C-alpha cells in the first residue's frame, strides 16, 4: 500500500500581488480605449504622430535628466561639502519612460511627474509609502518592499554620507617618534 502525500496549501499572495495583474489589464484597456477616442476626435494620422512624438519627447526628457544628474555628480566630486539640492532625476526618468510608452493615459501621468506642484504630491505619496513600509510589522521575508526599505535605511544609518576618508591610524600613546622616512606606495583606487 502506498501513502499519498498530503497536499500543502500554497503560500498566500500579498494584496499587491493579487491586484497588480488586474490593474495592469485595466490600464492596458484604458490606454487602448483612450487612443481610439482621441483618434476618432482628431483622426488616426495625427493620433499616430502624437504617439510617435511621445517617444522622442520621452527620450529627450531622459537625456536631460541624465545630463542634470551627471553635472550634479561632477559638482559634488569637485566640492564634497556643498549641499547639493535634489535633482529629482528618478521622477524625471520615470516620466520619460511613461512618455515613451504608447498611450495617452501614460502621457498624462508623465506630465504630472514633470510639473512641480503635482511632483510634490507624488514625492509626498512615495515618502508616505516608504514610511509605512518602515513601520511594517511583517516578519522579514514576508514583504519584499518593506525588506528593501529597511535594508536601505540600515545602510543609511551605517554610512550616513557615504564618504571615505583615507588616512592612517596613529597610536596616540606612542605619538610621533621623529621624521617619517619609511616608503609608502601611493594610494590608488
Protein backbone atom coordinates (compact mmCIF):
# COMPACT_ATOMS: atom_id res chain seq x y z
CA UNK A 1 0.00 0.00 0.00
CA UNK A 2 1.39 3.41 -0.94
CA UNK A 3 1.00 6.51 1.09
CA UNK A 4 -0.25 9.66 -0.52
CA UNK A 5 1.40 12.90 0.35
CA UNK A 6 -0.90 15.40 1.94
CA UNK A 7 -1.27 18.42 -0.30
CA UNK A 8 0.23 21.54 1.11
CA UNK A 9 -1.51 24.82 0.83
CA UNK A 10 0.17 27.32 -1.48
CA UNK A 11 1.59 30.42 0.15
CA UNK A 12 -0.87 33.32 0.29
CA UNK A 13 -0.05 36.16 -2.01
CA UNK A 14 0.07 39.68 -0.69
CA UNK A 15 -2.62 42.18 -1.63
CA UNK A 16 -0.40 43.92 -4.17
CA UNK A 17 0.47 40.66 -5.93
CA UNK A 18 -3.23 39.82 -6.18
CA UNK A 19 -4.32 43.20 -7.51
CA UNK A 20 -1.35 44.08 -9.76
CA UNK A 21 -2.33 41.87 -12.74
CA UNK A 22 -5.85 43.30 -12.63
CA UNK A 23 -4.51 46.86 -12.50
CA UNK A 24 -2.16 46.19 -15.44
CA UNK A 25 -5.01 44.77 -17.52
CA UNK A 26 -7.28 47.71 -16.64
CA UNK A 27 -4.51 50.17 -17.53
CA UNK A 28 -4.00 48.48 -20.91
CA UNK A 29 -7.72 48.50 -21.72
CA UNK A 30 -7.98 52.16 -20.68
CA UNK A 31 -4.96 53.09 -22.84
CA UNK A 32 -6.42 51.38 -25.91
CA UNK A 33 -9.82 52.94 -25.33
CA UNK A 34 -8.30 56.42 -24.91
CA UNK A 35 -6.25 56.04 -28.10
CA UNK A 36 -9.38 55.15 -30.06
CA UNK A 37 -11.31 58.08 -28.56
CA UNK A 38 -8.52 60.55 -29.39
CA UNK A 39 -8.07 59.03 -32.86
CA UNK A 40 -11.80 59.37 -33.56
CA UNK A 41 -11.70 63.01 -32.43
CA UNK A 42 -8.59 64.20 -34.31
CA UNK A 43 -8.05 61.43 -36.85
CA UNK A 44 -5.78 58.41 -36.92
CA UNK A 45 -2.88 60.19 -38.64
CA UNK A 46 -2.46 62.96 -36.06
CA UNK A 47 -3.03 60.48 -33.21
CA UNK A 48 -0.26 58.25 -34.56
CA UNK A 49 2.01 61.28 -34.91
CA UNK A 50 1.30 62.22 -31.28
CA UNK A 51 2.22 58.70 -30.14
CA UNK A 52 5.47 58.80 -32.14
CA UNK A 53 6.26 62.29 -30.84
CA UNK A 54 5.84 60.96 -27.31
CA UNK A 55 8.71 58.54 -27.94
CA UNK A 56 11.05 61.35 -28.98
CA UNK A 57 9.94 63.70 -26.19
CA UNK A 58 10.38 60.91 -23.63
CA UNK A 59 13.90 60.25 -24.91
CA UNK A 60 14.74 63.95 -24.66
CA UNK A 61 13.39 64.09 -21.09
CA UNK A 62 15.51 61.09 -20.08
CA UNK A 63 18.59 62.58 -21.76
CA UNK A 64 18.07 65.90 -19.95
CA UNK A 65 17.65 64.14 -16.59
CA UNK A 66 20.83 62.16 -17.18
CA UNK A 67 22.77 65.31 -18.05
CA UNK A 68 21.47 67.06 -14.94
CA UNK A 69 22.40 64.10 -12.73
CA UNK A 70 25.87 63.93 -14.31
CA UNK A 71 26.52 67.64 -13.74
CA UNK A 72 25.34 67.30 -10.13
CA UNK A 73 27.72 64.36 -9.64
CA UNK A 74 30.62 66.33 -11.13
CA UNK A 75 29.83 69.31 -8.90
CA UNK A 76 29.63 67.04 -5.87
CA UNK A 77 33.00 65.47 -6.71
CA UNK A 78 34.62 68.91 -7.05
CA UNK A 79 33.19 70.24 -3.80
CA UNK A 80 32.03 67.41 -1.49
CA UNK A 81 30.97 69.81 1.26
CA UNK A 82 28.48 71.67 -0.94
CA UNK A 83 24.87 70.99 -0.12
CA UNK A 84 23.59 69.69 -3.42
CA UNK A 85 19.87 70.15 -3.97
CA UNK A 86 17.83 67.17 -5.03
CA UNK A 87 17.67 66.90 -8.80
CA UNK A 88 14.52 64.78 -8.93
CA UNK A 89 16.18 62.55 -11.51
CA UNK A 90 14.27 59.39 -10.71
CA UNK A 91 10.88 61.04 -11.22
CA UNK A 92 12.06 62.71 -14.40
CA UNK A 93 13.36 59.43 -15.82
CA UNK A 94 10.09 57.70 -14.89
CA UNK A 95 8.21 60.49 -16.65
CA UNK A 96 10.38 59.99 -19.74
CA UNK A 97 9.70 56.26 -19.75
CA UNK A 98 5.97 56.87 -19.39
CA UNK A 99 6.10 59.34 -22.29
CA UNK A 100 7.77 56.68 -24.42
CA UNK A 101 5.07 54.10 -23.61
CA UNK A 102 2.43 54.33 -26.34
CA UNK A 103 -0.78 55.74 -24.97
CA UNK A 104 -2.26 58.98 -23.76
CA UNK A 105 -3.03 58.00 -20.16
CA UNK A 106 0.65 57.24 -19.52
CA UNK A 107 1.49 60.63 -21.09
CA UNK A 108 -0.91 62.32 -18.68
CA UNK A 109 0.69 60.59 -15.68
CA UNK A 110 4.13 61.57 -17.05
CA UNK A 111 3.07 65.21 -17.17
CA UNK A 112 2.02 65.03 -13.52
CA UNK A 113 5.51 63.74 -12.70
CA UNK A 114 7.11 66.64 -14.58
CA UNK A 115 5.06 69.56 -13.22
CA UNK A 116 6.37 70.88 -9.87
CA UNK A 117 3.06 71.05 -7.91
CA UNK A 118 1.99 67.52 -8.79
CA UNK A 119 5.57 66.24 -8.50
CA UNK A 120 5.50 67.34 -4.86
CA UNK A 121 2.32 65.29 -4.37
CA UNK A 122 3.95 62.21 -5.93
CA UNK A 123 7.02 62.71 -3.71
CA UNK A 124 4.83 63.02 -0.62
CA UNK A 125 2.93 59.84 -1.54
CA UNK A 126 6.22 57.99 -2.07
CA UNK A 127 7.56 59.11 1.29
CA UNK A 128 4.34 58.06 2.97
CA UNK A 129 4.53 54.63 1.30
CA UNK A 130 8.18 54.22 2.33
CA UNK A 131 7.33 55.31 5.88
CA UNK A 132 4.54 52.76 6.14
CA UNK A 133 6.93 50.09 4.85
CA UNK A 134 9.44 51.07 7.54
CA UNK A 135 6.74 50.82 10.21
CA UNK A 136 5.56 47.48 8.85
CA UNK A 137 5.45 44.74 11.42
CA UNK A 138 5.57 42.00 8.82
CA UNK A 139 8.32 39.47 9.53
CA UNK A 140 11.45 39.61 7.42
CA UNK A 141 10.84 37.90 4.09
CA UNK A 142 7.07 38.39 4.10
CA UNK A 143 7.00 41.78 2.34
CA UNK A 144 9.79 42.36 -0.16
CA UNK A 145 9.19 46.11 -0.43
CA UNK A 146 9.35 46.54 3.35
CA UNK A 147 12.54 44.45 3.42
CA UNK A 148 14.15 46.62 0.75
CA UNK A 149 13.22 49.85 2.53
CA UNK A 150 14.51 48.51 5.86
CA UNK A 151 17.79 47.46 4.25
CA UNK A 152 18.21 50.87 2.62
CA UNK A 153 17.53 52.56 5.96
CA UNK A 154 20.10 50.37 7.71
CA UNK A 155 22.69 51.20 5.07
CA UNK A 156 21.96 54.90 5.52
CA UNK A 157 22.39 54.58 9.27
CA UNK A 158 25.73 52.79 8.99
CA UNK A 159 27.10 55.07 6.26
CA UNK A 160 25.28 58.38 6.69
CA UNK A 161 27.07 60.28 3.95
CA UNK A 162 28.95 57.53 2.10
CA UNK A 163 32.24 59.44 2.28
CA UNK A 164 35.50 57.54 2.56
CA UNK A 165 38.35 59.36 4.24
CA UNK A 166 41.72 57.81 3.56
CA UNK A 167 44.19 58.15 6.36
CA UNK A 168 46.46 56.40 8.75
CA UNK A 169 45.74 55.24 12.29
CA UNK A 170 48.22 56.70 14.76
CA UNK A 171 48.61 55.24 18.20
CA UNK A 172 48.19 58.27 20.45
CA UNK A 173 50.08 56.66 23.34
CA UNK A 174 53.30 56.35 21.34
CA UNK A 175 52.98 59.57 19.39
CA UNK A 176 55.30 60.51 16.56
CA UNK A 177 58.91 59.38 17.14
CA UNK A 178 60.58 61.60 14.57
CA UNK A 179 60.52 62.20 10.85
CA UNK A 180 58.79 59.54 8.83
CA UNK A 181 61.27 58.14 6.32
CA UNK A 182 59.53 54.86 5.59
CA UNK A 183 58.49 54.30 1.97
CA UNK A 184 54.75 54.07 1.34
CA UNK A 185 53.32 53.26 -2.06
CA UNK A 186 50.89 55.85 -3.44
CA UNK A 187 47.21 55.33 -2.78
CA UNK A 188 45.38 54.19 -5.88
CA UNK A 189 41.76 53.38 -6.48
